[in-house]
Amino acid sequence: MAEERRSFQETRGYPVFFMIIVSIFFIGILALFYNSVKVRIEEFDKLNLKKAVLNSFNLPVEDIDRSFEIFIQE
């Protein structure tokens, strides 16, 4: 009996291999995006913390950094 040769795309392993490649590609894109905005996220978190501290004492929050520097001692 002659066995018919199938291409790789017709095998059971092709969908698994394809999904691994696609996943690695998109994980790489997400990692690059995360690293490019990491500093901005950290600055935003610090600013929100300062704003929350100022709000808890009913202090002005128009210029958060200046108000925090004047009214709050760490």
C-alpha atoms as a PDB file:
ATOM      1  CA  MET A   1       0.000   0.000   0.000  1.00  0.00           C
ATOM      2  CA  ALA A   2       1.385   3.294  -1.069  1.00  0.00           C
ATOM      3  CA  GLU A   3       0.986   5.970   1.573  1.00  0.00           C
ATOM      4  CA  GLU A   4       0.023   9.355   0.245  1.00  0.00           C
ATOM      5  CA  ARG A   5       2.422  12.118   1.259  1.00  0.00           C
ATOM      6  CA  ARG A   6       0.649  15.081   2.868  1.00  0.00           C
ATOM      7  CA  SER A   7       1.981  18.611   3.095  1.00  0.00           C
ATOM      8  CA  PHE A   8       2.800  20.052   6.503  1.00  0.00           C
ATOM      9  CA  GLN A   9      -0.288  22.299   6.332  1.00  0.00           C
ATOM     10  CA  GLU A  10      -2.503  19.241   6.255  1.00  0.00           C
ATOM     11  CA  THR A  11      -1.004  17.579   9.351  1.00  0.00           C
ATOM     12  CA  ARG A  12      -2.408  17.739  12.872  1.00  0.00           C
ATOM     13  CA  GLY A  13       0.614  19.659  14.146  1.00  0.00           C
ATOM     14  CA  TYR A  14       0.208  22.595  11.781  1.00  0.00           C
ATOM     15  CA  PRO A  15      -2.510  24.441  13.767  1.00  0.00           C
ATOM     16  CA  VAL A  16      -0.500  24.073  16.975  1.00  0.00           C
ATOM     17  CA  PHE A  17       2.684  25.308  15.298  1.00  0.00           C
ATOM     18  CA  PHE A  18       0.789  28.187  13.663  1.00  0.00           C
ATOM     19  CA  MET A  19      -0.779  29.315  16.958  1.00  0.00           C
ATOM     20  CA  ILE A  20       2.595  29.191  18.742  1.00  0.00           C
ATOM     21  CA  ILE A  21       4.155  31.418  16.073  1.00  0.00           C
ATOM     22  CA  VAL A  22       1.222  33.869  16.130  1.00  0.00           C
ATOM     23  CA  SER A  23       1.273  33.979  19.943  1.00  0.00           C
ATOM     24  CA  ILE A  24       5.008  34.677  20.069  1.00  0.00           C
ATOM     25  CA  PHE A  25       4.575  37.467  17.517  1.00  0.00           C
ATOM     26  CA  PHE A  26       1.798  39.238  19.440  1.00  0.00           C
ATOM     27  CA  ILE A  27       3.469  38.732  22.827  1.00  0.00           C
ATOM     28  CA  GLY A  28       6.540  40.425  21.365  1.00  0.00           C
ATOM     29  CA  ILE A  29       4.448  43.380  20.204  1.00  0.00           C
ATOM     30  CA  LEU A  30       2.821  43.701  23.643  1.00  0.00           C
ATOM     31  CA  ALA A  31       6.198  43.505  25.387  1.00  0.00           C
ATOM     32  CA  LEU A  32       7.607  46.280  23.195  1.00  0.00           C
ATOM     33  CA  PHE A  33       4.539  48.441  23.803  1.00  0.00           C
ATOM     34  CA  TYR A  34       4.690  47.872  27.569  1.00  0.00           C
ATOM     35  CA  ASN A  35       8.380  48.780  27.738  1.00  0.00           C
ATOM     36  CA  SER A  36       7.795  51.929  25.710  1.00  0.00           C
ATOM     37  CA  VAL A  37       5.098  53.251  28.100  1.00  0.00           C
ATOM     38  CA  LYS A  38       6.434  51.858  31.385  1.00  0.00           C
ATOM     39  CA  VAL A  39       7.951  55.191  32.513  1.00  0.00           C
ATOM     40  CA  ARG A  40       4.746  57.082  31.708  1.00  0.00           C
ATOM     41  CA  ILE A  41       2.699  54.577  33.713  1.00  0.00           C
ATOM     42  CA  GLU A  42       4.991  54.962  36.748  1.00  0.00           C
ATOM     43  CA  GLU A  43       4.801  58.781  36.541  1.00  0.00           C
ATOM     44  CA  PHE A  44       1.008  58.615  36.255  1.00  0.00           C
ATOM     45  CA  ASP A  45       0.816  56.377  39.341  1.00  0.00           C
ATOM     46  CA  LYS A  46       2.985  58.780  41.366  1.00  0.00           C
ATOM     47  CA  LEU A  47       0.863  61.742  40.278  1.00  0.00           C
ATOM     48  CA  ASN A  48      -2.351  59.928  41.243  1.00  0.00           C
ATOM     49  CA  LEU A  49      -0.909  59.089  44.671  1.00  0.00           C
ATOM     50  CA  LYS A  50       0.013  62.730  45.262  1.00  0.00           C
ATOM     51  CA  LYS A  51      -3.448  63.823  44.129  1.00  0.00           C
ATOM     52  CA  ALA A  52      -5.114  61.325  46.485  1.00  0.00           C
ATOM     53  CA  VAL A  53      -3.038  62.588  49.435  1.00  0.00           C
ATOM     54  CA  LEU A  54      -3.918  66.198  48.631  1.00  0.00           C
ATOM     55  CA  ASN A  55      -7.606  65.339  48.246  1.00  0.00           C
ATOM     56  CA  SER A  56      -7.644  63.530  51.586  1.00  0.00           C
ATOM     57  CA  PHE A  57      -6.593  66.776  53.310  1.00  0.00           C
ATOM     58  CA  ASN A  58      -8.838  69.014  51.125  1.00  0.00           C
ATOM     59  CA  LEU A  59      -5.814  70.817  49.691  1.00  0.00           C
ATOM     60  CA  PRO A  60      -5.758  72.456  46.227  1.00  0.00           C
ATOM     61  CA  VAL A  61      -4.996  70.100  43.348  1.00  0.00           C
ATOM     62  CA  GLU A  62      -4.721  72.546  40.428  1.00  0.00           C
ATOM     63  CA  ASP A  63      -0.919  72.240  40.381  1.00  0.00           C
ATOM     64  CA  ILE A  64      -0.396  68.875  42.050  1.00  0.00           C
ATOM     65  CA  ASP A  65       3.406  68.872  42.205  1.00  0.00           C
ATOM     66  CA  ARG A  66       3.623  72.408  43.594  1.00  0.00           C
ATOM     67  CA  SER A  67       0.836  71.876  46.146  1.00  0.00           C
ATOM     68  CA  PHE A  68       2.366  68.604  47.279  1.00  0.00           C
ATOM     69  CA  GLU A  69       5.758  70.282  47.681  1.00  0.00           C
ATOM     70  CA  ILE A  70       4.299  73.161  49.730  1.00  0.00           C
ATOM     71  CA  PHE A  71       1.832  71.344  52.001  1.00  0.00           C
ATOM     72  CA  ILE A  72       3.155  67.789  52.411  1.00  0.00           C
ATOM     73  CA  GLN A  73       6.384  66.664  54.032  1.00  0.00           C
ATOM     74  CA  GLU A  74       7.551  63.151  53.407  1.00  0.00           C
END
